[in-house]
Amino acid sequence: MTREEKSQVIKDLTAQLTDTSTVYIADIAGLDAGATSNLRRACYKANVKLSVVKNTLLAKAMEATEKDFGDLPSILKGNTSILISETGNAPAKVIKEFRKKSEKPILKGAFIDEAIFVGDEYLEALSNIKSKEEVIGDIIGLLQSPAKNVVSALKSGGGKLAGILKTLSEKEG
């Protein structure tokens, strides 16, 4: 690879790292061509971009961004792939699902919204992180709950003022 090619790869990686808030670093060494193809397909379906990268180029790209990747450059040894996604838990779910059939990929580390995770032991926790949409859905559900209680109380009282007051007083107690 020429210097110009390396420089271009670093620019591209820097742009990708700058534009996303979710980056997973994994080791997929040892997967045969068929398994690698299946992993790429699973990533594509989950809207996760998978790229195999050179450690030195990724380290330089991390350095070139304004983000603090903490200890992540220190784990760039051996075979390295990056998984980039808009959703914080999507790459973890893909890795976890894929590992039901294979020992790889192994999670080396992750950068999610400024938080840094180093080590495969975080895979389970990362796959359980709720996405922004899931959190918004939970909040909307919580906000709708009191309104539903009032409506059901009004309906169950039969429309009579005494029944409504009695039902509401029971709900508060």
N, C-alpha and C. Protein backbone atom coordinates (compact mmCIF):
# COMPACT_ATOMS: atom_id res chain seq x y z
N MET A 1 0.86 -1.17 0.00
CA MET A 1 0.00 0.00 0.00
C MET A 1 0.91 1.25 0.00
N THR A 2 0.66 2.16 -0.92
CA THR A 2 1.49 3.36 -1.02
C THR A 2 1.12 4.36 0.07
N ARG A 3 1.97 5.34 0.26
CA ARG A 3 1.69 6.38 1.25
C ARG A 3 0.39 7.11 0.95
N GLU A 4 0.16 7.39 -0.33
CA GLU A 4 -1.07 8.09 -0.73
C GLU A 4 -2.30 7.25 -0.40
N GLU A 5 -2.21 5.94 -0.65
CA GLU A 5 -3.33 5.06 -0.35
C GLU A 5 -3.58 5.01 1.16
N LYS A 6 -2.50 4.90 1.93
CA LYS A 6 -2.64 4.90 3.39
C LYS A 6 -3.25 6.19 3.87
N SER A 7 -2.80 7.30 3.32
CA SER A 7 -3.33 8.61 3.71
C SER A 7 -4.82 8.70 3.42
N GLN A 8 -5.23 8.16 2.28
CA GLN A 8 -6.66 8.18 1.91
C GLN A 8 -7.48 7.30 2.85
N VAL A 9 -6.95 6.14 3.20
CA VAL A 9 -7.64 5.23 4.13
C VAL A 9 -7.81 5.92 5.49
N ILE A 10 -6.76 6.58 5.95
CA ILE A 10 -6.84 7.29 7.24
C ILE A 10 -7.89 8.39 7.17
N LYS A 11 -7.93 9.13 6.07
CA LYS A 11 -8.95 10.19 5.90
C LYS A 11 -10.36 9.60 5.94
N ASP A 12 -10.55 8.48 5.22
CA ASP A 12 -11.86 7.83 5.19
C ASP A 12 -12.27 7.33 6.58
N LEU A 13 -11.33 6.67 7.27
CA LEU A 13 -11.62 6.18 8.62
C LEU A 13 -11.91 7.33 9.57
N THR A 14 -11.15 8.40 9.47
CA THR A 14 -11.36 9.57 10.33
C THR A 14 -12.76 10.13 10.11
N ALA A 15 -13.17 10.23 8.85
CA ALA A 15 -14.52 10.73 8.54
C ALA A 15 -15.59 9.82 9.14
N GLN A 16 -15.40 8.50 9.01
CA GLN A 16 -16.37 7.55 9.57
C GLN A 16 -16.45 7.68 11.09
N LEU A 17 -15.30 7.76 11.74
CA LEU A 17 -15.27 7.86 13.20
C LEU A 17 -15.86 9.18 13.69
N THR A 18 -15.67 10.23 12.92
CA THR A 18 -16.19 11.55 13.29
C THR A 18 -17.71 11.58 13.16
N ASP A 19 -18.24 10.90 12.14
CA ASP A 19 -19.66 10.97 11.83
C ASP A 19 -20.54 10.02 12.64
N THR A 20 -19.94 9.17 13.47
CA THR A 20 -20.75 8.20 14.21
C THR A 20 -20.47 8.30 15.71
N SER A 21 -21.42 7.82 16.48
CA SER A 21 -21.23 7.80 17.93
C SER A 21 -21.11 6.36 18.43
N THR A 22 -21.16 5.38 17.51
CA THR A 22 -21.08 3.98 17.89
C THR A 22 -20.05 3.25 17.03
N VAL A 23 -18.98 2.80 17.67
CA VAL A 23 -17.93 2.05 16.98
C VAL A 23 -17.57 0.84 17.84
N TYR A 24 -17.67 -0.33 17.26
CA TYR A 24 -17.25 -1.56 17.92
C TYR A 24 -15.98 -2.05 17.24
N ILE A 25 -15.06 -2.58 18.02
CA ILE A 25 -13.83 -3.14 17.48
C ILE A 25 -13.84 -4.63 17.84
N ALA A 26 -13.70 -5.46 16.81
CA ALA A 26 -13.81 -6.91 17.02
C ALA A 26 -12.73 -7.66 16.27
N ASP A 27 -12.53 -8.90 16.67
CA ASP A 27 -11.59 -9.80 16.03
C ASP A 27 -12.39 -10.87 15.31
N ILE A 28 -12.27 -10.93 13.98
CA ILE A 28 -12.99 -11.96 13.22
C ILE A 28 -12.01 -12.94 12.57
N ALA A 29 -10.74 -12.92 13.00
CA ALA A 29 -9.73 -13.83 12.45
C ALA A 29 -10.17 -15.27 12.64
N GLY A 30 -9.92 -16.08 11.64
CA GLY A 30 -10.26 -17.49 11.76
C GLY A 30 -11.59 -17.85 11.14
N LEU A 31 -12.41 -16.86 10.81
CA LEU A 31 -13.67 -17.17 10.13
C LEU A 31 -13.37 -17.49 8.67
N ASP A 32 -13.95 -18.57 8.16
CA ASP A 32 -13.73 -18.88 6.75
C ASP A 32 -14.56 -17.94 5.87
N ALA A 33 -14.38 -18.05 4.59
CA ALA A 33 -15.03 -17.13 3.66
C ALA A 33 -16.56 -17.17 3.79
N GLY A 34 -17.12 -18.36 3.95
CA GLY A 34 -18.57 -18.49 4.08
C GLY A 34 -19.09 -17.83 5.34
N ALA A 35 -18.39 -18.05 6.46
CA ALA A 35 -18.81 -17.45 7.74
C ALA A 35 -18.66 -15.94 7.70
N THR A 36 -17.57 -15.47 7.08
CA THR A 36 -17.37 -14.02 6.96
C THR A 36 -18.48 -13.40 6.12
N SER A 37 -18.85 -14.08 5.05
CA SER A 37 -19.93 -13.60 4.20
C SER A 37 -21.25 -13.55 4.97
N ASN A 38 -21.51 -14.58 5.78
CA ASN A 38 -22.73 -14.61 6.60
C ASN A 38 -22.72 -13.48 7.63
N LEU A 39 -21.55 -13.21 8.22
CA LEU A 39 -21.43 -12.11 9.18
C LEU A 39 -21.71 -10.77 8.49
N ARG A 40 -21.14 -10.59 7.32
CA ARG A 40 -21.38 -9.33 6.58
C ARG A 40 -22.86 -9.17 6.26
N ARG A 41 -23.51 -10.28 5.88
CA ARG A 41 -24.94 -10.25 5.56
C ARG A 41 -25.76 -9.87 6.81
N ALA A 42 -25.40 -10.47 7.96
CA ALA A 42 -26.10 -10.17 9.21
C ALA A 42 -25.91 -8.70 9.59
N CYS A 43 -24.70 -8.20 9.39
CA CYS A 43 -24.43 -6.79 9.68
C CYS A 43 -25.27 -5.89 8.77
N TYR A 44 -25.32 -6.23 7.49
CA TYR A 44 -26.07 -5.42 6.52
C TYR A 44 -27.55 -5.36 6.91
N LYS A 45 -28.12 -6.51 7.30
CA LYS A 45 -29.53 -6.57 7.70
C LYS A 45 -29.81 -5.71 8.93
N ALA A 46 -28.80 -5.61 9.83
CA ALA A 46 -28.97 -4.85 11.07
C ALA A 46 -28.52 -3.39 10.91
N ASN A 47 -28.20 -3.00 9.67
CA ASN A 47 -27.75 -1.64 9.38
C ASN A 47 -26.44 -1.31 10.11
N VAL A 48 -25.53 -2.29 10.10
CA VAL A 48 -24.21 -2.15 10.71
C VAL A 48 -23.18 -2.27 9.60
N LYS A 49 -22.24 -1.35 9.56
CA LYS A 49 -21.19 -1.39 8.55
C LYS A 49 -19.97 -2.10 9.13
N LEU A 50 -19.52 -3.18 8.47
CA LEU A 50 -18.38 -3.98 8.92
C LEU A 50 -17.21 -3.73 7.98
N SER A 51 -16.05 -3.39 8.55
CA SER A 51 -14.84 -3.17 7.76
C SER A 51 -13.66 -3.80 8.46
N VAL A 52 -12.79 -4.46 7.69
CA VAL A 52 -11.53 -4.96 8.22
C VAL A 52 -10.52 -3.83 8.03
N VAL A 53 -9.78 -3.50 9.09
CA VAL A 53 -8.86 -2.37 9.03
C VAL A 53 -7.47 -2.74 9.55
N LYS A 54 -6.50 -1.97 9.13
CA LYS A 54 -5.15 -2.12 9.67
C LYS A 54 -5.08 -1.35 10.97
N ASN A 55 -4.48 -1.97 11.98
CA ASN A 55 -4.41 -1.37 13.31
C ASN A 55 -3.75 0.00 13.31
N THR A 56 -2.63 0.14 12.63
CA THR A 56 -1.90 1.42 12.65
C THR A 56 -2.72 2.52 11.99
N LEU A 57 -3.43 2.19 10.93
CA LEU A 57 -4.24 3.20 10.23
C LEU A 57 -5.44 3.61 11.09
N LEU A 58 -6.05 2.63 11.77
CA LEU A 58 -7.18 2.94 12.64
C LEU A 58 -6.72 3.79 13.83
N ALA A 59 -5.56 3.48 14.38
CA ALA A 59 -5.02 4.26 15.50
C ALA A 59 -4.79 5.71 15.07
N LYS A 60 -4.24 5.90 13.88
CA LYS A 60 -3.99 7.26 13.37
C LYS A 60 -5.30 7.99 13.12
N ALA A 61 -6.31 7.27 12.63
CA ALA A 61 -7.62 7.88 12.39
C ALA A 61 -8.27 8.28 13.72
N MET A 62 -8.13 7.44 14.75
CA MET A 62 -8.68 7.77 16.07
C MET A 62 -8.01 9.03 16.62
N GLU A 63 -6.71 9.11 16.40
CA GLU A 63 -5.95 10.26 16.87
C GLU A 63 -6.37 11.54 16.13
N ALA A 64 -6.73 11.39 14.85
CA ALA A 64 -7.07 12.55 14.02
C ALA A 64 -8.45 13.13 14.35
N THR A 65 -9.31 12.35 15.01
CA THR A 65 -10.63 12.88 15.37
C THR A 65 -10.51 13.68 16.65
N GLU A 66 -11.54 14.42 16.96
CA GLU A 66 -11.55 15.20 18.20
C GLU A 66 -12.13 14.39 19.36
N LYS A 67 -12.49 13.14 19.11
CA LYS A 67 -13.08 12.29 20.14
C LYS A 67 -12.00 11.66 21.00
N ASP A 68 -12.36 11.37 22.24
CA ASP A 68 -11.44 10.71 23.16
C ASP A 68 -11.77 9.23 23.18
N PHE A 69 -10.94 8.42 22.53
CA PHE A 69 -11.16 6.98 22.45
C PHE A 69 -10.51 6.23 23.62
N GLY A 70 -9.98 6.95 24.58
CA GLY A 70 -9.44 6.35 25.79
C GLY A 70 -8.43 5.26 25.52
N ASP A 71 -8.68 4.06 26.07
CA ASP A 71 -7.77 2.92 25.96
C ASP A 71 -7.95 2.12 24.66
N LEU A 72 -8.90 2.49 23.83
CA LEU A 72 -9.17 1.68 22.63
C LEU A 72 -7.95 1.51 21.72
N PRO A 73 -7.13 2.55 21.48
CA PRO A 73 -5.96 2.31 20.62
C PRO A 73 -5.02 1.22 21.16
N SER A 74 -5.00 0.99 22.46
CA SER A 74 -4.11 -0.02 23.04
C SER A 74 -4.56 -1.45 22.73
N ILE A 75 -5.82 -1.63 22.33
CA ILE A 75 -6.31 -2.99 22.03
C ILE A 75 -6.16 -3.34 20.56
N LEU A 76 -5.59 -2.44 19.79
CA LEU A 76 -5.45 -2.67 18.35
C LEU A 76 -4.24 -3.56 18.08
N LYS A 77 -4.46 -4.84 18.29
CA LYS A 77 -3.43 -5.85 18.04
C LYS A 77 -4.10 -7.01 17.31
N GLY A 78 -3.34 -7.70 16.50
CA GLY A 78 -3.91 -8.83 15.77
C GLY A 78 -4.88 -8.37 14.70
N ASN A 79 -5.82 -9.24 14.36
CA ASN A 79 -6.81 -8.94 13.34
C ASN A 79 -7.87 -8.01 13.92
N THR A 80 -8.17 -6.93 13.20
CA THR A 80 -9.14 -5.96 13.71
C THR A 80 -10.19 -5.62 12.65
N SER A 81 -11.42 -5.62 13.09
CA SER A 81 -12.54 -5.18 12.26
C SER A 81 -13.31 -4.14 13.05
N ILE A 82 -13.90 -3.19 12.34
CA ILE A 82 -14.75 -2.22 13.03
C ILE A 82 -16.19 -2.40 12.55
N LEU A 83 -17.09 -2.24 13.49
CA LEU A 83 -18.52 -2.29 13.19
C LEU A 83 -19.09 -0.93 13.58
N ILE A 84 -19.65 -0.25 12.61
CA ILE A 84 -20.18 1.10 12.84
C ILE A 84 -21.69 1.07 12.63
N SER A 85 -22.40 1.74 13.55
CA SER A 85 -23.86 1.73 13.50
C SER A 85 -24.43 3.02 14.07
N GLU A 86 -25.64 3.33 13.69
CA GLU A 86 -26.36 4.46 14.28
C GLU A 86 -26.96 4.08 15.63
N THR A 87 -27.24 2.79 15.81
CA THR A 87 -27.86 2.28 17.03
C THR A 87 -26.80 1.66 17.93
N GLY A 88 -26.75 2.09 19.19
CA GLY A 88 -25.71 1.66 20.10
C GLY A 88 -25.61 0.17 20.36
N ASN A 89 -26.76 -0.54 20.33
CA ASN A 89 -26.72 -1.96 20.67
C ASN A 89 -26.73 -2.88 19.45
N ALA A 90 -26.89 -2.35 18.25
CA ALA A 90 -27.01 -3.19 17.05
C ALA A 90 -25.78 -4.06 16.80
N PRO A 91 -24.56 -3.53 16.83
CA PRO A 91 -23.40 -4.41 16.61
C PRO A 91 -23.28 -5.50 17.68
N ALA A 92 -23.58 -5.18 18.93
CA ALA A 92 -23.50 -6.18 20.00
C ALA A 92 -24.51 -7.30 19.76
N LYS A 93 -25.71 -6.94 19.31
CA LYS A 93 -26.72 -7.96 19.03
C LYS A 93 -26.29 -8.85 17.87
N VAL A 94 -25.68 -8.26 16.83
CA VAL A 94 -25.20 -9.05 15.70
C VAL A 94 -24.11 -10.02 16.16
N ILE A 95 -23.15 -9.52 16.93
CA ILE A 95 -22.06 -10.37 17.41
C ILE A 95 -22.61 -11.49 18.29
N LYS A 96 -23.49 -11.14 19.20
CA LYS A 96 -24.06 -12.14 20.13
C LYS A 96 -24.82 -13.22 19.36
N GLU A 97 -25.63 -12.82 18.40
CA GLU A 97 -26.40 -13.77 17.60
C GLU A 97 -25.46 -14.66 16.78
N PHE A 98 -24.43 -14.06 16.18
CA PHE A 98 -23.52 -14.81 15.34
C PHE A 98 -22.72 -15.82 16.15
N ARG A 99 -22.44 -15.49 17.39
CA ARG A 99 -21.64 -16.38 18.25
C ARG A 99 -22.42 -17.59 18.74
N LYS A 100 -23.68 -17.66 18.43
CA LYS A 100 -24.43 -18.88 18.75
C LYS A 100 -23.93 -20.04 17.89
N LYS A 101 -23.34 -19.71 16.71
CA LYS A 101 -22.87 -20.73 15.78
C LYS A 101 -21.35 -20.78 15.68
N SER A 102 -20.67 -19.76 16.21
CA SER A 102 -19.22 -19.65 16.03
C SER A 102 -18.59 -19.02 17.27
N GLU A 103 -17.29 -19.20 17.45
CA GLU A 103 -16.60 -18.58 18.58
C GLU A 103 -16.26 -17.12 18.30
N LYS A 104 -16.29 -16.75 17.05
CA LYS A 104 -15.95 -15.39 16.64
C LYS A 104 -17.22 -14.70 16.17
N PRO A 105 -17.26 -13.42 16.08
CA PRO A 105 -16.24 -12.43 16.41
C PRO A 105 -16.11 -12.23 17.92
N ILE A 106 -14.91 -11.85 18.32
CA ILE A 106 -14.65 -11.53 19.73
C ILE A 106 -14.61 -10.01 19.86
N LEU A 107 -15.36 -9.50 20.81
CA LEU A 107 -15.40 -8.06 21.03
C LEU A 107 -14.12 -7.62 21.72
N LYS A 108 -13.39 -6.72 21.07
CA LYS A 108 -12.18 -6.16 21.68
C LYS A 108 -12.55 -4.93 22.50
N GLY A 109 -13.45 -4.12 21.95
CA GLY A 109 -13.85 -2.91 22.66
C GLY A 109 -14.94 -2.17 21.89
N ALA A 110 -15.48 -1.14 22.52
CA ALA A 110 -16.54 -0.36 21.89
C ALA A 110 -16.49 1.09 22.39
N PHE A 111 -16.94 1.98 21.53
CA PHE A 111 -17.07 3.40 21.83
C PHE A 111 -18.52 3.76 21.52
N ILE A 112 -19.30 4.06 22.56
CA ILE A 112 -20.72 4.37 22.38
C ILE A 112 -21.04 5.66 23.10
N ASP A 113 -21.37 6.71 22.33
CA ASP A 113 -21.72 8.00 22.91
C ASP A 113 -20.75 8.43 24.00
N GLU A 114 -19.48 8.47 23.67
CA GLU A 114 -18.42 8.92 24.58
C GLU A 114 -18.03 7.89 25.64
N ALA A 115 -18.78 6.80 25.80
CA ALA A 115 -18.45 5.77 26.79
C ALA A 115 -17.55 4.73 26.13
N ILE A 116 -16.56 4.24 26.88
CA ILE A 116 -15.59 3.31 26.33
C ILE A 116 -15.68 1.99 27.09
N PHE A 117 -15.74 0.89 26.34
CA PHE A 117 -15.81 -0.45 26.90
C PHE A 117 -14.67 -1.26 26.30
N VAL A 118 -13.85 -1.87 27.15
CA VAL A 118 -12.73 -2.68 26.66
C VAL A 118 -12.89 -4.10 27.17
N GLY A 119 -13.03 -5.04 26.24
CA GLY A 119 -13.10 -6.44 26.61
C GLY A 119 -14.39 -7.11 26.18
N ASP A 120 -14.28 -8.41 25.91
CA ASP A 120 -15.40 -9.21 25.44
C ASP A 120 -16.48 -9.40 26.52
N GLU A 121 -16.10 -9.22 27.78
CA GLU A 121 -17.06 -9.43 28.87
C GLU A 121 -18.21 -8.40 28.85
N TYR A 122 -18.06 -7.32 28.09
CA TYR A 122 -19.12 -6.30 28.01
C TYR A 122 -20.18 -6.60 26.95
N LEU A 123 -19.98 -7.68 26.19
CA LEU A 123 -20.91 -7.97 25.09
C LEU A 123 -22.35 -8.09 25.55
N GLU A 124 -22.59 -8.83 26.61
CA GLU A 124 -23.96 -9.03 27.11
C GLU A 124 -24.59 -7.70 27.52
N ALA A 125 -23.86 -6.90 28.28
CA ALA A 125 -24.38 -5.61 28.73
C ALA A 125 -24.65 -4.68 27.55
N LEU A 126 -23.75 -4.67 26.58
CA LEU A 126 -23.93 -3.79 25.42
C LEU A 126 -25.12 -4.22 24.57
N SER A 127 -25.38 -5.51 24.48
CA SER A 127 -26.52 -5.96 23.68
C SER A 127 -27.85 -5.61 24.36
N ASN A 128 -27.81 -5.36 25.66
CA ASN A 128 -29.03 -5.01 26.40
C ASN A 128 -29.27 -3.51 26.52
N ILE A 129 -28.33 -2.71 26.03
CA ILE A 129 -28.53 -1.25 26.05
C ILE A 129 -29.74 -0.93 25.18
N LYS A 130 -30.58 -0.06 25.67
CA LYS A 130 -31.76 0.32 24.88
C LYS A 130 -31.37 1.38 23.86
N SER A 131 -31.97 1.27 22.67
CA SER A 131 -31.73 2.27 21.64
C SER A 131 -32.51 3.53 21.99
N LYS A 132 -32.18 4.61 21.33
CA LYS A 132 -32.86 5.88 21.55
C LYS A 132 -34.37 5.73 21.33
N GLU A 133 -34.74 5.00 20.28
CA GLU A 133 -36.16 4.81 19.96
C GLU A 133 -36.87 4.02 21.06
N GLU A 134 -36.19 3.01 21.60
CA GLU A 134 -36.79 2.21 22.68
C GLU A 134 -37.00 3.04 23.94
N VAL A 135 -36.04 3.90 24.26
CA VAL A 135 -36.16 4.76 25.44
C VAL A 135 -37.31 5.75 25.25
N ILE A 136 -37.42 6.33 24.08
CA ILE A 136 -38.52 7.27 23.79
C ILE A 136 -39.86 6.55 23.91
N GLY A 137 -39.93 5.32 23.40
CA GLY A 137 -41.16 4.53 23.51
C GLY A 137 -41.53 4.27 24.96
N ASP A 138 -40.54 3.94 25.78
CA ASP A 138 -40.80 3.72 27.21
C ASP A 138 -41.33 4.98 27.88
N ILE A 139 -40.74 6.12 27.55
CA ILE A 139 -41.16 7.40 28.15
C ILE A 139 -42.59 7.73 27.72
N ILE A 140 -42.90 7.53 26.46
CA ILE A 140 -44.26 7.81 25.98
C ILE A 140 -45.26 6.90 26.69
N GLY A 141 -44.89 5.63 26.87
CA GLY A 141 -45.76 4.69 27.58
C GLY A 141 -46.01 5.13 29.01
N LEU A 142 -44.96 5.61 29.68
CA LEU A 142 -45.11 6.10 31.05
C LEU A 142 -45.98 7.34 31.12
N LEU A 143 -45.84 8.22 30.14
CA LEU A 143 -46.64 9.45 30.12
C LEU A 143 -48.11 9.16 29.83
N GLN A 144 -48.37 8.14 29.02
CA GLN A 144 -49.75 7.82 28.68
C GLN A 144 -50.47 7.07 29.80
N SER A 145 -49.74 6.40 30.65
CA SER A 145 -50.32 5.58 31.69
C SER A 145 -51.28 6.33 32.61
N PRO A 146 -50.91 7.50 33.18
CA PRO A 146 -51.85 8.22 34.06
C PRO A 146 -53.12 8.65 33.33
N ALA A 147 -53.00 9.06 32.09
CA ALA A 147 -54.18 9.47 31.33
C ALA A 147 -55.13 8.30 31.13
N LYS A 148 -54.58 7.12 30.87
CA LYS A 148 -55.42 5.93 30.70
C LYS A 148 -56.15 5.60 31.99
N ASN A 149 -55.49 5.78 33.14
CA ASN A 149 -56.13 5.51 34.42
C ASN A 149 -57.32 6.44 34.65
N VAL A 150 -57.17 7.70 34.33
CA VAL A 150 -58.26 8.67 34.51
C VAL A 150 -59.43 8.31 33.60
N VAL A 151 -59.14 8.00 32.33
CA VAL A 151 -60.20 7.65 31.38
C VAL A 151 -60.93 6.40 31.85
N SER A 152 -60.19 5.38 32.28
CA SER A 152 -60.87 4.16 32.72
C SER A 152 -61.68 4.41 33.99
N ALA A 153 -61.19 5.28 34.87
CA ALA A 153 -61.93 5.62 36.08
C ALA A 153 -63.24 6.32 35.73
N LEU A 154 -63.17 7.21 34.77
CA LEU A 154 -64.38 7.93 34.35
C LEU A 154 -65.40 6.97 33.72
N LYS A 155 -64.92 6.02 32.95
CA LYS A 155 -65.82 5.06 32.31
C LYS A 155 -66.42 4.10 33.33
N SER A 156 -65.62 3.65 34.29
CA SER A 156 -66.11 2.66 35.23
C SER A 156 -67.11 3.23 36.23
N GLY A 157 -67.11 4.52 36.43
CA GLY A 157 -68.04 5.15 37.37
C GLY A 157 -69.43 5.28 36.80
N GLY A 158 -69.63 4.89 35.58
CA GLY A 158 -70.95 4.93 34.98
C GLY A 158 -71.38 6.36 34.66
N GLY A 159 -70.48 7.32 34.70
CA GLY A 159 -70.81 8.69 34.33
C GLY A 159 -71.42 9.48 35.46
N LYS A 160 -71.70 8.87 36.61
CA LYS A 160 -72.29 9.59 37.72
C LYS A 160 -71.18 10.25 38.53
N LEU A 161 -71.43 11.45 38.99
CA LEU A 161 -70.42 12.21 39.73
C LEU A 161 -69.96 11.47 40.98
N ALA A 162 -70.86 10.87 41.69
CA ALA A 162 -70.48 10.16 42.92
C ALA A 162 -69.58 8.97 42.58
N GLY A 163 -69.91 8.27 41.53
CA GLY A 163 -69.11 7.12 41.11
C GLY A 163 -67.72 7.55 40.65
N ILE A 164 -67.68 8.69 39.95
CA ILE A 164 -66.39 9.21 39.48
C ILE A 164 -65.52 9.60 40.66
N LEU A 165 -66.10 10.34 41.62
CA LEU A 165 -65.33 10.77 42.79
C LEU A 165 -64.84 9.56 43.60
N LYS A 166 -65.72 8.57 43.76
CA LYS A 166 -65.35 7.39 44.52
C LYS A 166 -64.20 6.65 43.82
N THR A 167 -64.29 6.48 42.51
CA THR A 167 -63.26 5.78 41.76
C THR A 167 -61.94 6.54 41.82
N LEU A 168 -61.99 7.85 41.66
CA LEU A 168 -60.76 8.65 41.71
C LEU A 168 -60.13 8.62 43.09
N SER A 169 -60.96 8.65 44.14
CA SER A 169 -60.40 8.61 45.50
C SER A 169 -59.75 7.25 45.78
N GLU A 170 -60.32 6.18 45.21
CA GLU A 170 -59.73 4.85 45.37
C GLU A 170 -58.40 4.74 44.62
N LYS A 171 -58.31 5.39 43.45
CA LYS A 171 -57.09 5.35 42.63
C LYS A 171 -55.94 6.07 43.34
N GLU A 172 -56.26 7.18 44.03
CA GLU A 172 -55.24 7.96 44.71
C GLU A 172 -54.73 7.23 45.94
N GLY A 173 -55.56 6.46 46.59
CA GLY A 173 -55.19 5.77 47.84
C GLY A 173 -54.44 4.55 47.58
